[in-house]
């Protein structure tokens, strides 16, 4: 049984964590960097552990590693050797596993809980470019070129033995085709795929979310399909679109509702006003089975979800 199905067989919703980079920022750390939160794998790994711990204590059933923007190319541009880059990428999984294992050692954390999962985050090619192209998908690359980019990092993360992969904030179907082709080389590995979307029916490239979900429905290793880093007002419509063509669990973890400005590397606009827990309950009623948050969401938001999931 895949790890997500196992937890969903015992509870109505699997709760994932919330924002990583903006949560570090909220704690007073500077994340304005082309490596984004991945720079803390080099500079302050204990800060990453702190965030994982906060989310587990808030009620997360799955923590996502700080590897979204961690790539060989990115670290080697900073003067790291290939071996050092590999160790840093794998450390993202080890940090999360250690924090999860410490949390689970305390039996009081077992109440109404399953053992939390560690999902290794695989960000899109655009995240490495750090130019905002993960919000458009206009890379000008072929499937083969995208496979070349992802191959070594995917192998490195899988070698660290996370419970599953989280291919997230993917802006175009071509990149998903590349990732699914690579996954076939590791038939025992499960992954979720979540797209970033521009409205209630289209992912950021302009392709229909239905078309994307239809493609993924046939991919055996993909154990959940959904949306992340997308404005909350589009989520209900996107769930309906996915549900129309897919029987797989639907995962949603939108952002706080602001827009990312790739030039200033900041978030513009007002963040969410409605209670996050209340919005999340609406997504559950629409059909989402795995729920969390992306940029600008907090452990408090996750605690609001846990309140009704574990009531």
Protein backbone atom coordinates (compact mmCIF):
# COMPACT_ATOMS: atom_id res chain seq x y z
CA UNK A 1 0.00 0.00 0.00
CA UNK A 2 1.33 3.48 -0.81
CA UNK A 3 2.03 5.65 2.27
CA UNK A 4 -0.76 8.13 1.51
CA UNK A 5 -3.40 5.41 1.04
CA UNK A 6 -2.31 3.86 4.31
CA UNK A 7 -3.00 7.03 6.31
CA UNK A 8 -6.19 7.83 4.38
CA UNK A 9 -7.54 4.37 5.21
CA UNK A 10 -7.48 5.44 8.88
CA UNK A 11 -8.50 9.12 8.78
CA UNK A 12 -10.63 11.35 6.54
CA UNK A 13 -7.88 13.84 5.64
CA UNK A 14 -4.10 13.68 5.51
CA UNK A 15 -2.78 17.02 6.77
CA UNK A 16 0.46 18.24 5.23
CA UNK A 17 2.54 21.19 6.43
CA UNK A 18 2.44 24.85 5.42
CA UNK A 19 4.88 27.41 4.03
CA UNK A 20 8.59 26.84 4.42
CA UNK A 21 10.46 29.85 3.07
CA UNK A 22 7.98 32.46 4.25
CA UNK A 23 7.82 30.71 7.64
CA UNK A 24 11.60 31.07 7.99
CA UNK A 25 11.15 34.72 7.04
CA UNK A 26 8.45 35.12 9.70
CA UNK A 27 10.95 33.78 12.23
CA UNK A 28 13.33 36.58 11.25
CA UNK A 29 15.57 34.81 8.73
CA UNK A 30 16.51 36.41 5.40
CA UNK A 31 15.43 34.22 2.48
CA UNK A 32 16.00 36.74 -0.33
CA UNK A 33 18.42 34.48 -2.19
CA UNK A 34 18.48 32.48 -5.44
CA UNK A 35 18.64 29.32 -3.29
CA UNK A 36 15.66 30.55 -1.24
CA UNK A 37 15.06 28.30 1.80
CA UNK A 38 17.65 25.77 0.52
CA UNK A 39 20.44 28.16 1.57
CA UNK A 40 19.67 27.16 5.17
CA UNK A 41 20.84 23.62 4.39
CA UNK A 42 24.27 25.27 4.09
CA UNK A 43 24.01 28.03 6.66
CA UNK A 44 21.63 27.03 9.44
CA UNK A 45 20.16 23.52 9.23
CA UNK A 46 18.72 23.82 12.75
CA UNK A 47 16.35 26.55 11.45
CA UNK A 48 14.91 23.99 9.03
CA UNK A 49 14.44 21.52 11.87
CA UNK A 50 12.58 24.18 13.87
CA UNK A 51 10.04 24.68 11.09
CA UNK A 52 9.44 20.92 10.69
CA UNK A 53 8.91 20.61 14.45
CA UNK A 54 6.43 23.51 14.51
CA UNK A 55 4.34 21.88 11.80
CA UNK A 56 4.36 18.45 13.43
CA UNK A 57 3.25 20.01 16.70
CA UNK A 58 0.51 21.88 14.82
CA UNK A 59 -0.85 18.55 13.52
CA UNK A 60 0.86 17.76 10.19
CA UNK A 61 0.76 14.13 9.06
CA UNK A 62 3.50 14.84 6.52
CA UNK A 63 6.42 17.26 6.44
CA UNK A 64 7.97 18.36 3.17
CA UNK A 65 11.75 18.69 2.94
CA UNK A 66 13.63 21.94 2.30
CA UNK A 67 14.85 20.65 -1.09
CA UNK A 68 12.42 22.59 -3.32
CA UNK A 69 15.19 24.87 -4.58
CA UNK A 70 18.12 22.57 -3.70
CA UNK A 71 19.92 21.55 -6.91
CA UNK A 72 23.41 20.45 -7.88
CA UNK A 73 23.63 23.41 -10.25
CA UNK A 74 22.53 25.92 -7.60
CA UNK A 75 24.96 24.70 -4.93
CA UNK A 76 27.87 24.29 -7.34
CA UNK A 77 27.40 27.89 -8.49
CA UNK A 78 28.14 28.74 -4.83
CA UNK A 79 31.48 26.96 -5.03
CA UNK A 80 30.39 23.58 -3.62
CA UNK A 81 31.84 20.39 -5.05
CA UNK A 82 29.46 17.81 -6.52
CA UNK A 83 29.91 15.63 -3.42
CA UNK A 84 29.11 18.58 -1.13
CA UNK A 85 26.03 19.41 -3.18
CA UNK A 86 24.87 15.80 -2.92
CA UNK A 87 25.34 15.79 0.86
CA UNK A 88 23.35 19.03 1.22
CA UNK A 89 20.45 17.75 -0.91
CA UNK A 90 20.31 14.52 1.10
CA UNK A 91 20.59 16.42 4.38
CA UNK A 92 17.16 17.94 3.63
CA UNK A 93 15.63 14.46 3.96
CA UNK A 94 17.74 13.50 7.00
CA UNK A 95 16.81 16.67 8.91
CA UNK A 96 13.09 16.01 8.34
CA UNK A 97 13.43 12.31 9.23
CA UNK A 98 15.29 13.09 12.47
CA UNK A 99 12.74 15.70 13.58
CA UNK A 100 9.85 13.36 12.69
CA UNK A 101 11.46 10.42 14.55
CA UNK A 102 12.11 12.55 17.66
CA UNK A 103 8.50 13.77 17.57
CA UNK A 104 7.19 10.21 17.27
CA UNK A 105 9.30 8.92 20.19
CA UNK A 106 6.95 10.75 22.54
CA UNK A 107 3.85 8.56 22.88
CA UNK A 108 1.64 11.53 23.75
CA UNK A 109 2.03 12.58 20.11
CA UNK A 110 0.33 9.35 18.99
CA UNK A 111 -3.19 10.43 20.04
CA UNK A 112 -5.49 10.33 16.99
CA UNK A 113 -2.37 10.33 14.79
CA UNK A 114 -0.56 8.01 12.39
CA UNK A 115 3.24 8.19 12.16
CA UNK A 116 3.94 11.31 10.04
CA UNK A 117 5.50 10.95 6.60
CA UNK A 118 8.51 12.73 5.09
CA UNK A 119 7.95 13.90 1.49
CA UNK A 120 11.05 14.97 -0.44
CA UNK A 121 10.24 18.19 -2.28
CA UNK A 122 11.10 18.30 -5.99
CA UNK A 123 10.68 21.84 -7.25
CA UNK A 124 10.34 22.71 -10.96
CA UNK A 125 13.17 23.75 -13.27
CA UNK A 126 11.94 27.33 -12.88
CA UNK A 127 12.68 27.25 -9.14
CA UNK A 128 16.37 26.67 -9.93
CA UNK A 129 16.32 29.62 -12.37
CA UNK A 130 14.89 31.78 -9.54
CA UNK A 131 13.37 34.15 -12.10
CA UNK A 132 9.70 33.42 -11.46
CA UNK A 133 9.37 31.06 -14.45
CA UNK A 134 7.87 28.39 -12.20
CA UNK A 135 4.81 30.64 -12.45
CA UNK A 136 4.67 30.43 -16.27
CA UNK A 137 6.41 27.22 -17.40
CA UNK A 138 7.91 29.04 -20.38
CA UNK A 139 11.27 27.29 -20.25
CA UNK A 140 11.88 26.62 -23.94
CA UNK A 141 13.17 23.12 -23.07
CA UNK A 142 12.21 19.67 -24.37
CA UNK A 143 11.07 16.72 -22.22
CA UNK A 144 14.55 15.18 -22.68
CA UNK A 145 16.28 18.37 -21.49
CA UNK A 146 14.01 18.55 -18.45
CA UNK A 147 14.75 14.88 -17.69
CA UNK A 148 18.47 15.67 -17.84
CA UNK A 149 18.02 18.50 -15.36
CA UNK A 150 15.95 16.47 -12.86
CA UNK A 151 17.65 13.06 -13.15
CA UNK A 152 20.56 13.40 -10.71
CA UNK A 153 18.64 15.34 -8.05
CA UNK A 154 15.78 12.83 -8.17
CA UNK A 155 18.23 9.93 -7.73
CA UNK A 156 19.93 11.76 -4.85
CA UNK A 157 16.67 12.39 -2.99
CA UNK A 158 15.42 8.82 -3.54
CA UNK A 159 18.72 7.45 -2.19
CA UNK A 160 18.02 9.27 1.11
CA UNK A 161 14.84 7.14 1.48
CA UNK A 162 12.01 9.62 2.05
CA UNK A 163 8.53 8.07 2.38
CA UNK A 164 7.55 9.60 -0.95
CA UNK A 165 8.35 12.48 -3.32
CA UNK A 166 6.44 15.76 -3.65
CA UNK A 167 6.77 17.09 -7.21
CA UNK A 168 5.30 20.51 -6.53
CA UNK A 169 4.51 23.92 -8.02
CA UNK A 170 4.84 22.36 -11.47
CA UNK A 171 3.72 24.92 -14.07
CA UNK A 172 3.44 22.79 -17.24
CA UNK A 173 2.50 19.30 -18.36
CA UNK A 174 5.77 18.80 -20.21
CA UNK A 175 7.71 18.93 -16.93
CA UNK A 176 5.36 16.36 -15.39
CA UNK A 177 5.91 14.06 -18.38
CA UNK A 178 9.66 14.35 -17.77
CA UNK A 179 9.33 13.59 -14.03
CA UNK A 180 6.99 10.62 -14.59
CA UNK A 181 9.40 9.16 -17.18
CA UNK A 182 12.23 9.40 -14.62
CA UNK A 183 10.11 7.88 -11.85
CA UNK A 184 9.67 4.71 -13.94
CA UNK A 185 13.36 4.03 -13.25
CA UNK A 186 12.37 3.67 -9.54
CA UNK A 187 9.18 1.56 -9.63
CA UNK A 188 9.01 1.28 -5.84
CA UNK A 189 8.83 5.08 -5.34
CA UNK A 190 5.53 6.94 -4.85
CA UNK A 191 5.05 10.63 -5.55
CA UNK A 192 2.37 13.26 -5.53
CA UNK A 193 2.22 15.89 -8.26
CA UNK A 194 0.81 19.35 -7.62
CA UNK A 195 0.55 22.09 -10.19
CA UNK A 196 0.57 25.86 -9.79
CA UNK A 197 -2.55 27.33 -11.39
CA UNK A 198 -3.49 30.75 -12.82
CA UNK A 199 -7.28 30.42 -12.50
CA UNK A 200 -10.02 27.90 -11.72
CA UNK A 201 -9.40 25.67 -14.77
CA UNK A 202 -5.85 26.24 -16.06
CA UNK A 203 -2.38 25.60 -14.70
CA UNK A 204 0.18 28.39 -15.04
CA UNK A 205 1.26 27.40 -18.57
CA UNK A 206 -2.34 27.86 -19.74
CA UNK A 207 -2.94 24.10 -20.17
CA UNK A 208 -6.17 22.74 -18.74
CA UNK A 209 -5.90 21.11 -15.33
CA UNK A 210 -8.25 18.38 -16.60
CA UNK A 211 -5.78 17.40 -19.31
CA UNK A 212 -3.00 17.23 -16.71
CA UNK A 213 -5.06 15.14 -14.27
CA UNK A 214 -6.09 12.79 -17.11
CA UNK A 215 -2.44 12.16 -17.95
CA UNK A 216 -1.57 11.51 -14.28
CA UNK A 217 -4.55 9.21 -13.73
CA UNK A 218 -2.72 6.57 -15.80
CA UNK A 219 0.60 6.97 -13.94
CA UNK A 220 0.74 4.19 -11.33
CA UNK A 221 3.42 5.81 -9.13
CA UNK A 222 1.51 9.08 -8.75
CA UNK A 223 -0.50 8.61 -5.55
CA UNK A 224 -2.17 12.04 -5.39
CA UNK A 225 -2.86 14.87 -7.83
CA UNK A 226 -3.49 18.48 -7.00
CA UNK A 227 -2.65 22.14 -6.73
CA UNK A 228 -0.29 24.25 -4.64
CA UNK A 229 1.00 27.83 -4.46
CA UNK A 230 -2.24 29.07 -6.02
CA UNK A 231 -4.71 31.66 -4.74
CA UNK A 232 -7.33 30.11 -2.42
CA UNK A 233 -10.28 31.45 -4.44
CA UNK A 234 -9.48 29.07 -7.34
CA UNK A 235 -9.18 25.89 -5.28
CA UNK A 236 -12.80 24.70 -5.24
CA UNK A 237 -13.10 24.96 -9.02
CA UNK A 238 -9.75 23.21 -9.54
CA UNK A 239 -10.80 20.35 -7.25
CA UNK A 240 -13.98 19.88 -9.34
CA UNK A 241 -11.93 19.86 -12.56
CA UNK A 242 -9.53 17.20 -11.26
CA UNK A 243 -12.32 15.12 -9.74
CA UNK A 244 -14.11 15.01 -13.09
CA UNK A 245 -11.32 12.92 -14.64
CA UNK A 246 -9.39 11.33 -11.78
CA UNK A 247 -10.06 8.81 -9.02
CA UNK A 248 -6.80 9.56 -7.16
CA UNK A 249 -6.74 11.47 -3.85
CA UNK A 250 -6.75 15.22 -4.47
CA UNK A 251 -4.12 17.32 -2.70
CA UNK A 252 -4.46 21.07 -2.20
CA UNK A 253 -2.11 23.48 -0.46
CA UNK A 254 -2.71 27.00 -1.73
CA UNK A 255 -0.78 30.09 -0.74
CA UNK A 256 -2.09 32.92 1.41
CA UNK A 257 -3.65 34.71 -1.57
CA UNK A 258 -0.92 37.24 -2.41
CA UNK A 259 0.94 37.42 -5.73
CA UNK A 260 4.65 36.62 -5.99
CA UNK A 261 6.79 39.38 -7.52
CA UNK A 262 9.76 37.62 -9.14
CA UNK A 263 11.74 40.86 -9.51
CA UNK A 264 11.66 41.87 -5.85
CA UNK A 265 11.28 38.25 -4.60
CA UNK A 266 8.46 39.43 -2.34
CA UNK A 267 4.72 38.83 -2.03
CA UNK A 268 2.39 41.65 -3.09
CA UNK A 269 -1.15 42.19 -1.91
CA UNK A 270 -3.23 41.25 1.07
CA UNK A 271 -3.01 37.79 2.51
CA UNK A 272 -6.02 35.64 3.44
CA UNK A 273 -8.84 37.12 5.47
CA UNK A 274 -11.12 34.10 5.96
CA UNK A 275 -10.12 31.52 8.56
CA UNK A 276 -7.81 29.03 6.84
CA UNK A 277 -9.36 26.13 8.73
CA UNK A 278 -12.80 27.12 7.47
CA UNK A 279 -11.60 27.40 3.85
CA UNK A 280 -9.87 24.03 4.17
CA UNK A 281 -13.10 22.43 5.40
CA UNK A 282 -14.79 23.71 2.22
CA UNK A 283 -12.06 22.08 0.10
CA UNK A 284 -12.56 18.81 1.98
CA UNK A 285 -16.30 18.98 1.27
CA UNK A 286 -15.51 19.51 -2.42
CA UNK A 287 -13.38 16.36 -2.46
CA UNK A 288 -9.81 17.17 -1.32
CA UNK A 289 -8.29 14.41 0.83
CA UNK A 290 -4.82 15.87 1.46
CA UNK A 291 -4.73 19.48 2.67
CA UNK A 292 -2.04 21.90 3.82
CA UNK A 293 -0.67 25.31 2.91
CA UNK A 294 1.98 26.93 0.73
CA UNK A 295 3.67 30.37 0.84
CA UNK A 296 2.51 32.64 3.68
CA UNK A 297 0.54 29.96 5.52
CA UNK A 298 1.67 29.16 9.05
CA UNK A 299 1.61 26.44 11.73
CA UNK A 300 -1.47 28.22 13.15
CA UNK A 301 -3.29 27.61 9.85
CA UNK A 302 -2.35 23.93 9.96
CA UNK A 303 -3.55 23.72 13.59
CA UNK A 304 -6.93 25.08 12.43
CA UNK A 305 -7.21 22.21 9.93
CA UNK A 306 -6.16 19.65 12.54
CA UNK A 307 -8.88 20.93 14.86
CA UNK A 308 -11.73 19.71 12.64
CA UNK A 309 -9.89 16.70 11.18
CA UNK A 310 -9.23 15.26 14.64
CA UNK A 311 -12.44 16.42 16.32
